[in-house]
């Protein structure tokens, strides 16, 4: 059987993967004697991207690699595939995530100072369980509090290749803008419901 065109192999792999694939990962699809170089892979990916222009899907370069995905402007139609719309995260969680993204590395105390309220423990746990935030070290001050930063998984989820693609604070008029219009992963609702009534009042 003849070997399919390189772009067809890449296309099939990206559609089947369910997440971004790096160039290194794509190279593992081939036999040792037939591994394409990264220049060839990039050329095939560029060709695919051009073929998708003006269609309902697009090829995106994200932090962890390349991904074929539904175009965001088609969200109002595609989202109707599911009976229930995915729960949106609480504003308190999005504010905390935004502060970490724009001010990292940042401690919990610094987040609380910026927001003016205590950070609910459930919010920090949710962000870490989602894989969006991780501890990146400790601040060299008394108590050595943990410092937090975002992850590649955060960039992938929000359709970003790097932190440089974050909108400027002037452009970010509403924190809801950082939540994707189309969420095909159906995230769990922020665990704010498990908070105590007092904690909820502090973190609204």
C-alpha atoms as a PDB file:
ATOM      1  CA  UNK A   1       0.000   0.000   0.000  1.00  0.00           C
ATOM      2  CA  UNK A   2       1.313   3.399  -0.956  1.00  0.00           C
ATOM      3  CA  UNK A   3       2.222   5.760   1.857  1.00  0.00           C
ATOM      4  CA  UNK A   4      -0.423   8.511   2.224  1.00  0.00           C
ATOM      5  CA  UNK A   5       0.622  12.157   1.832  1.00  0.00           C
ATOM      6  CA  UNK A   6       2.303  13.554   4.939  1.00  0.00           C
ATOM      7  CA  UNK A   7      -0.403  16.164   5.485  1.00  0.00           C
ATOM      8  CA  UNK A   8      -3.081  13.454   5.505  1.00  0.00           C
ATOM      9  CA  UNK A   9      -1.250  11.489   8.192  1.00  0.00           C
ATOM     10  CA  UNK A  10      -0.859  14.644  10.278  1.00  0.00           C
ATOM     11  CA  UNK A  11      -4.491  15.612   9.775  1.00  0.00           C
ATOM     12  CA  UNK A  12      -5.740  12.193  10.857  1.00  0.00           C
ATOM     13  CA  UNK A  13      -3.489  12.208  13.928  1.00  0.00           C
ATOM     14  CA  UNK A  14      -4.610  15.666  15.012  1.00  0.00           C
ATOM     15  CA  UNK A  15      -8.273  14.760  14.618  1.00  0.00           C
ATOM     16  CA  UNK A  16      -7.839  11.549  16.606  1.00  0.00           C
ATOM     17  CA  UNK A  17      -5.632  12.970  19.356  1.00  0.00           C
ATOM     18  CA  UNK A  18      -8.245  15.026  21.168  1.00  0.00           C
ATOM     19  CA  UNK A  19      -5.590  17.569  22.128  1.00  0.00           C
ATOM     20  CA  UNK A  20      -2.502  19.380  20.831  1.00  0.00           C
ATOM     21  CA  UNK A  21       0.386  17.396  19.353  1.00  0.00           C
ATOM     22  CA  UNK A  22       3.939  18.723  19.274  1.00  0.00           C
ATOM     23  CA  UNK A  23       6.327  18.227  16.355  1.00  0.00           C
ATOM     24  CA  UNK A  24       8.261  15.717  18.466  1.00  0.00           C
ATOM     25  CA  UNK A  25       5.068  13.769  19.107  1.00  0.00           C
ATOM     26  CA  UNK A  26       4.133  13.803  15.429  1.00  0.00           C
ATOM     27  CA  UNK A  27       7.532  12.347  14.559  1.00  0.00           C
ATOM     28  CA  UNK A  28       6.828   9.312  16.764  1.00  0.00           C
ATOM     29  CA  UNK A  29       4.034   8.299  14.366  1.00  0.00           C
ATOM     30  CA  UNK A  30       6.562   7.161  11.789  1.00  0.00           C
ATOM     31  CA  UNK A  31       8.965   4.246  11.488  1.00  0.00           C
ATOM     32  CA  UNK A  32      12.521   5.039  12.518  1.00  0.00           C
ATOM     33  CA  UNK A  33      13.777   4.983   8.922  1.00  0.00           C
ATOM     34  CA  UNK A  34      10.917   7.145   7.651  1.00  0.00           C
ATOM     35  CA  UNK A  35      10.696   9.990  10.194  1.00  0.00           C
ATOM     36  CA  UNK A  36      10.041  13.356   8.490  1.00  0.00           C
ATOM     37  CA  UNK A  37      12.144  16.292   9.629  1.00  0.00           C
ATOM     38  CA  UNK A  38      10.504  19.195  11.419  1.00  0.00           C
ATOM     39  CA  UNK A  39      10.801  21.452   8.380  1.00  0.00           C
ATOM     40  CA  UNK A  40       8.667  18.990   6.404  1.00  0.00           C
ATOM     41  CA  UNK A  41       6.164  18.750   9.248  1.00  0.00           C
ATOM     42  CA  UNK A  42       5.841  22.528   9.463  1.00  0.00           C
ATOM     43  CA  UNK A  43       5.342  22.761   5.694  1.00  0.00           C
ATOM     44  CA  UNK A  44       2.581  20.133   5.807  1.00  0.00           C
ATOM     45  CA  UNK A  45       0.922  21.883   8.746  1.00  0.00           C
ATOM     46  CA  UNK A  46       1.061  25.221   6.930  1.00  0.00           C
ATOM     47  CA  UNK A  47      -0.599  23.609   3.905  1.00  0.00           C
ATOM     48  CA  UNK A  48      -3.353  22.195   6.086  1.00  0.00           C
ATOM     49  CA  UNK A  49      -3.888  25.585   7.708  1.00  0.00           C
ATOM     50  CA  UNK A  50      -4.321  27.195   4.294  1.00  0.00           C
ATOM     51  CA  UNK A  51      -6.795  24.532   3.199  1.00  0.00           C
ATOM     52  CA  UNK A  52      -8.940  25.186   6.282  1.00  0.00           C
ATOM     53  CA  UNK A  53      -9.207  28.929   5.641  1.00  0.00           C
ATOM     54  CA  UNK A  54     -12.832  29.955   5.227  1.00  0.00           C
ATOM     55  CA  UNK A  55     -14.109  26.638   6.590  1.00  0.00           C
ATOM     56  CA  UNK A  56     -15.681  25.553   9.856  1.00  0.00           C
ATOM     57  CA  UNK A  57     -12.450  24.230  11.356  1.00  0.00           C
ATOM     58  CA  UNK A  58      -9.015  25.743  11.806  1.00  0.00           C
ATOM     59  CA  UNK A  59      -5.483  24.666  12.654  1.00  0.00           C
ATOM     60  CA  UNK A  60      -4.079  26.407  15.709  1.00  0.00           C
ATOM     61  CA  UNK A  61      -0.561  26.466  17.117  1.00  0.00           C
ATOM     62  CA  UNK A  62      -0.902  26.287  20.904  1.00  0.00           C
ATOM     63  CA  UNK A  63       1.593  26.101  23.748  1.00  0.00           C
ATOM     64  CA  UNK A  64       1.738  22.287  23.663  1.00  0.00           C
ATOM     65  CA  UNK A  65       1.586  21.850  19.906  1.00  0.00           C
ATOM     66  CA  UNK A  66      -0.862  21.936  17.015  1.00  0.00           C
ATOM     67  CA  UNK A  67      -4.589  21.285  17.180  1.00  0.00           C
ATOM     68  CA  UNK A  68      -7.512  21.126  14.758  1.00  0.00           C
ATOM     69  CA  UNK A  69     -10.543  22.780  16.300  1.00  0.00           C
ATOM     70  CA  UNK A  70     -13.932  24.310  15.569  1.00  0.00           C
ATOM     71  CA  UNK A  71     -13.820  27.998  14.643  1.00  0.00           C
ATOM     72  CA  UNK A  72     -14.976  30.122  17.578  1.00  0.00           C
ATOM     73  CA  UNK A  73     -17.518  32.061  15.509  1.00  0.00           C
ATOM     74  CA  UNK A  74     -19.487  28.851  14.981  1.00  0.00           C
ATOM     75  CA  UNK A  75     -20.042  28.382  18.711  1.00  0.00           C
ATOM     76  CA  UNK A  76     -23.751  29.407  18.697  1.00  0.00           C
ATOM     77  CA  UNK A  77     -24.534  26.469  16.386  1.00  0.00           C
ATOM     78  CA  UNK A  78     -22.092  23.805  17.527  1.00  0.00           C
ATOM     79  CA  UNK A  79     -22.955  24.315  21.199  1.00  0.00           C
ATOM     80  CA  UNK A  80     -26.496  23.095  20.432  1.00  0.00           C
ATOM     81  CA  UNK A  81     -25.112  19.577  20.064  1.00  0.00           C
ATOM     82  CA  UNK A  82     -25.369  19.349  23.831  1.00  0.00           C
ATOM     83  CA  UNK A  83     -28.636  19.580  25.716  1.00  0.00           C
ATOM     84  CA  UNK A  84     -27.163  21.611  28.555  1.00  0.00           C
ATOM     85  CA  UNK A  85     -24.726  24.451  28.213  1.00  0.00           C
ATOM     86  CA  UNK A  86     -21.500  24.025  30.199  1.00  0.00           C
ATOM     87  CA  UNK A  87     -21.381  25.779  33.530  1.00  0.00           C
ATOM     88  CA  UNK A  88     -19.391  28.983  33.541  1.00  0.00           C
ATOM     89  CA  UNK A  89     -16.799  29.614  36.207  1.00  0.00           C
ATOM     90  CA  UNK A  90     -17.502  32.107  38.963  1.00  0.00           C
ATOM     91  CA  UNK A  91     -16.262  35.657  38.600  1.00  0.00           C
ATOM     92  CA  UNK A  92     -14.144  35.214  41.745  1.00  0.00           C
ATOM     93  CA  UNK A  93     -12.331  32.275  40.144  1.00  0.00           C
ATOM     94  CA  UNK A  94     -11.776  34.161  36.880  1.00  0.00           C
ATOM     95  CA  UNK A  95     -10.459  37.206  38.756  1.00  0.00           C
ATOM     96  CA  UNK A  96      -8.007  35.013  40.652  1.00  0.00           C
ATOM     97  CA  UNK A  97      -6.893  33.280  37.462  1.00  0.00           C
ATOM     98  CA  UNK A  98      -6.449  36.612  35.661  1.00  0.00           C
ATOM     99  CA  UNK A  99      -4.286  37.993  38.472  1.00  0.00           C
ATOM    100  CA  UNK A 100      -2.068  34.906  38.382  1.00  0.00           C
ATOM    101  CA  UNK A 101      -1.789  35.070  34.595  1.00  0.00           C
ATOM    102  CA  UNK A 102      -0.870  38.767  34.468  1.00  0.00           C
ATOM    103  CA  UNK A 103       1.193  39.077  37.667  1.00  0.00           C
ATOM    104  CA  UNK A 104       2.945  35.694  37.932  1.00  0.00           C
ATOM    105  CA  UNK A 105       4.745  34.569  39.932  1.00  0.00           C
ATOM    106  CA  UNK A 106       2.360  35.739  42.624  1.00  0.00           C
ATOM    107  CA  UNK A 107       1.526  34.547  46.141  1.00  0.00           C
ATOM    108  CA  UNK A 108      -1.926  33.985  47.552  1.00  0.00           C
ATOM    109  CA  UNK A 109      -1.425  36.947  49.879  1.00  0.00           C
ATOM    110  CA  UNK A 110      -0.609  39.189  46.904  1.00  0.00           C
ATOM    111  CA  UNK A 111      -3.727  37.964  45.112  1.00  0.00           C
ATOM    112  CA  UNK A 112      -5.804  38.835  48.164  1.00  0.00           C
ATOM    113  CA  UNK A 113      -4.186  42.277  48.366  1.00  0.00           C
ATOM    114  CA  UNK A 114      -5.064  43.004  44.728  1.00  0.00           C
ATOM    115  CA  UNK A 115      -8.634  41.680  44.968  1.00  0.00           C
ATOM    116  CA  UNK A 116      -9.276  43.145  48.401  1.00  0.00           C
ATOM    117  CA  UNK A 117     -10.893  39.932  49.660  1.00  0.00           C
ATOM    118  CA  UNK A 118      -9.753  36.535  50.915  1.00  0.00           C
ATOM    119  CA  UNK A 119      -9.161  33.901  48.263  1.00  0.00           C
ATOM    120  CA  UNK A 120     -11.422  30.923  48.798  1.00  0.00           C
ATOM    121  CA  UNK A 121      -9.417  27.704  49.238  1.00  0.00           C
ATOM    122  CA  UNK A 122     -11.801  25.956  46.827  1.00  0.00           C
ATOM    123  CA  UNK A 123     -10.827  28.403  44.078  1.00  0.00           C
ATOM    124  CA  UNK A 124      -7.111  27.661  44.367  1.00  0.00           C
ATOM    125  CA  UNK A 125      -7.814  23.936  44.531  1.00  0.00           C
ATOM    126  CA  UNK A 126     -10.034  24.095  41.431  1.00  0.00           C
ATOM    127  CA  UNK A 127      -7.394  25.998  39.449  1.00  0.00           C
ATOM    128  CA  UNK A 128      -4.726  23.463  40.377  1.00  0.00           C
ATOM    129  CA  UNK A 129      -6.973  20.455  39.759  1.00  0.00           C
ATOM    130  CA  UNK A 130      -7.776  21.810  36.299  1.00  0.00           C
ATOM    131  CA  UNK A 131      -4.037  21.988  35.671  1.00  0.00           C
ATOM    132  CA  UNK A 132      -4.161  25.717  34.899  1.00  0.00           C
ATOM    133  CA  UNK A 133      -2.095  26.872  37.904  1.00  0.00           C
ATOM    134  CA  UNK A 134       0.864  25.361  39.725  1.00  0.00           C
ATOM    135  CA  UNK A 135       3.312  26.306  42.444  1.00  0.00           C
ATOM    136  CA  UNK A 136       6.484  27.690  40.867  1.00  0.00           C
ATOM    137  CA  UNK A 137       8.532  28.268  44.019  1.00  0.00           C
ATOM    138  CA  UNK A 138       8.470  30.161  47.283  1.00  0.00           C
ATOM    139  CA  UNK A 139       8.802  33.890  47.919  1.00  0.00           C
ATOM    140  CA  UNK A 140      11.987  34.679  49.851  1.00  0.00           C
ATOM    141  CA  UNK A 141      10.179  36.437  52.705  1.00  0.00           C
ATOM    142  CA  UNK A 142       9.218  35.325  56.223  1.00  0.00           C
ATOM    143  CA  UNK A 143       6.970  32.291  56.021  1.00  0.00           C
ATOM    144  CA  UNK A 144       8.186  31.543  52.468  1.00  0.00           C
ATOM    145  CA  UNK A 145       4.712  31.583  50.887  1.00  0.00           C
ATOM    146  CA  UNK A 146       4.161  29.592  47.708  1.00  0.00           C
ATOM    147  CA  UNK A 147       4.230  31.486  44.421  1.00  0.00           C
ATOM    148  CA  UNK A 148       1.821  30.539  41.643  1.00  0.00           C
ATOM    149  CA  UNK A 149       2.026  30.675  37.868  1.00  0.00           C
ATOM    150  CA  UNK A 150       0.071  29.366  34.892  1.00  0.00           C
ATOM    151  CA  UNK A 151       0.802  26.192  32.929  1.00  0.00           C
ATOM    152  CA  UNK A 152       0.898  25.080  29.305  1.00  0.00           C
ATOM    153  CA  UNK A 153      -2.455  23.444  29.904  1.00  0.00           C
ATOM    154  CA  UNK A 154      -3.845  26.888  30.781  1.00  0.00           C
ATOM    155  CA  UNK A 155      -2.529  28.274  27.490  1.00  0.00           C
ATOM    156  CA  UNK A 156      -3.933  25.343  25.512  1.00  0.00           C
ATOM    157  CA  UNK A 157      -7.373  25.622  27.110  1.00  0.00           C
ATOM    158  CA  UNK A 158      -7.648  29.322  26.409  1.00  0.00           C
ATOM    159  CA  UNK A 159      -6.375  28.894  22.852  1.00  0.00           C
ATOM    160  CA  UNK A 160      -3.053  30.662  23.376  1.00  0.00           C
ATOM    161  CA  UNK A 161       0.420  29.825  22.102  1.00  0.00           C
ATOM    162  CA  UNK A 162       2.162  31.935  24.772  1.00  0.00           C
ATOM    163  CA  UNK A 163       1.470  34.486  27.498  1.00  0.00           C
ATOM    164  CA  UNK A 164       2.326  37.189  24.966  1.00  0.00           C
ATOM    165  CA  UNK A 165      -1.041  36.494  23.329  1.00  0.00           C
ATOM    166  CA  UNK A 166      -3.008  37.480  26.432  1.00  0.00           C
ATOM    167  CA  UNK A 167      -5.074  40.603  25.742  1.00  0.00           C
ATOM    168  CA  UNK A 168      -3.783  43.769  27.337  1.00  0.00           C
ATOM    169  CA  UNK A 169      -5.515  44.877  30.522  1.00  0.00           C
ATOM    170  CA  UNK A 170      -6.986  47.795  28.592  1.00  0.00           C
ATOM    171  CA  UNK A 171      -8.484  45.373  26.063  1.00  0.00           C
ATOM    172  CA  UNK A 172      -9.799  43.075  28.763  1.00  0.00           C
ATOM    173  CA  UNK A 173     -12.882  45.105  29.625  1.00  0.00           C
ATOM    174  CA  UNK A 174     -14.777  42.172  31.112  1.00  0.00           C
ATOM    175  CA  UNK A 175     -13.217  39.206  32.913  1.00  0.00           C
ATOM    176  CA  UNK A 176     -15.816  36.989  31.250  1.00  0.00           C
ATOM    177  CA  UNK A 177     -13.925  37.586  27.995  1.00  0.00           C
ATOM    178  CA  UNK A 178     -11.176  35.199  29.096  1.00  0.00           C
ATOM    179  CA  UNK A 179     -13.640  32.320  29.166  1.00  0.00           C
ATOM    180  CA  UNK A 180     -13.920  30.556  25.763  1.00  0.00           C
ATOM    181  CA  UNK A 181     -17.186  31.081  23.907  1.00  0.00           C
ATOM    182  CA  UNK A 182     -17.155  27.434  22.933  1.00  0.00           C
ATOM    183  CA  UNK A 183     -16.185  24.986  25.651  1.00  0.00           C
ATOM    184  CA  UNK A 184     -16.055  21.508  24.168  1.00  0.00           C
ATOM    185  CA  UNK A 185     -14.475  20.085  27.329  1.00  0.00           C
ATOM    186  CA  UNK A 186     -17.457  20.777  29.587  1.00  0.00           C
ATOM    187  CA  UNK A 187     -15.545  22.039  32.640  1.00  0.00           C
ATOM    188  CA  UNK A 188     -16.903  21.412  36.053  1.00  0.00           C
ATOM    189  CA  UNK A 189     -18.536  24.345  37.719  1.00  0.00           C
ATOM    190  CA  UNK A 190     -16.177  26.159  40.042  1.00  0.00           C
ATOM    191  CA  UNK A 191     -16.343  24.551  43.444  1.00  0.00           C
ATOM    192  CA  UNK A 192     -17.781  27.678  44.997  1.00  0.00           C
ATOM    193  CA  UNK A 193     -20.912  25.846  46.057  1.00  0.00           C
ATOM    194  CA  UNK A 194     -18.844  23.881  48.571  1.00  0.00           C
ATOM    195  CA  UNK A 195     -17.668  27.026  50.299  1.00  0.00           C
ATOM    196  CA  UNK A 196     -19.096  28.076  53.619  1.00  0.00           C
ATOM    197  CA  UNK A 197     -21.570  30.996  53.560  1.00  0.00           C
ATOM    198  CA  UNK A 198     -19.006  33.274  55.212  1.00  0.00           C
ATOM    199  CA  UNK A 199     -16.338  32.341  52.690  1.00  0.00           C
ATOM    200  CA  UNK A 200     -18.724  32.982  49.836  1.00  0.00           C
ATOM    201  CA  UNK A 201     -19.441  36.468  51.106  1.00  0.00           C
ATOM    202  CA  UNK A 202     -15.734  37.207  51.362  1.00  0.00           C
ATOM    203  CA  UNK A 203     -15.059  35.982  47.828  1.00  0.00           C
ATOM    204  CA  UNK A 204     -17.903  37.471  45.831  1.00  0.00           C
END
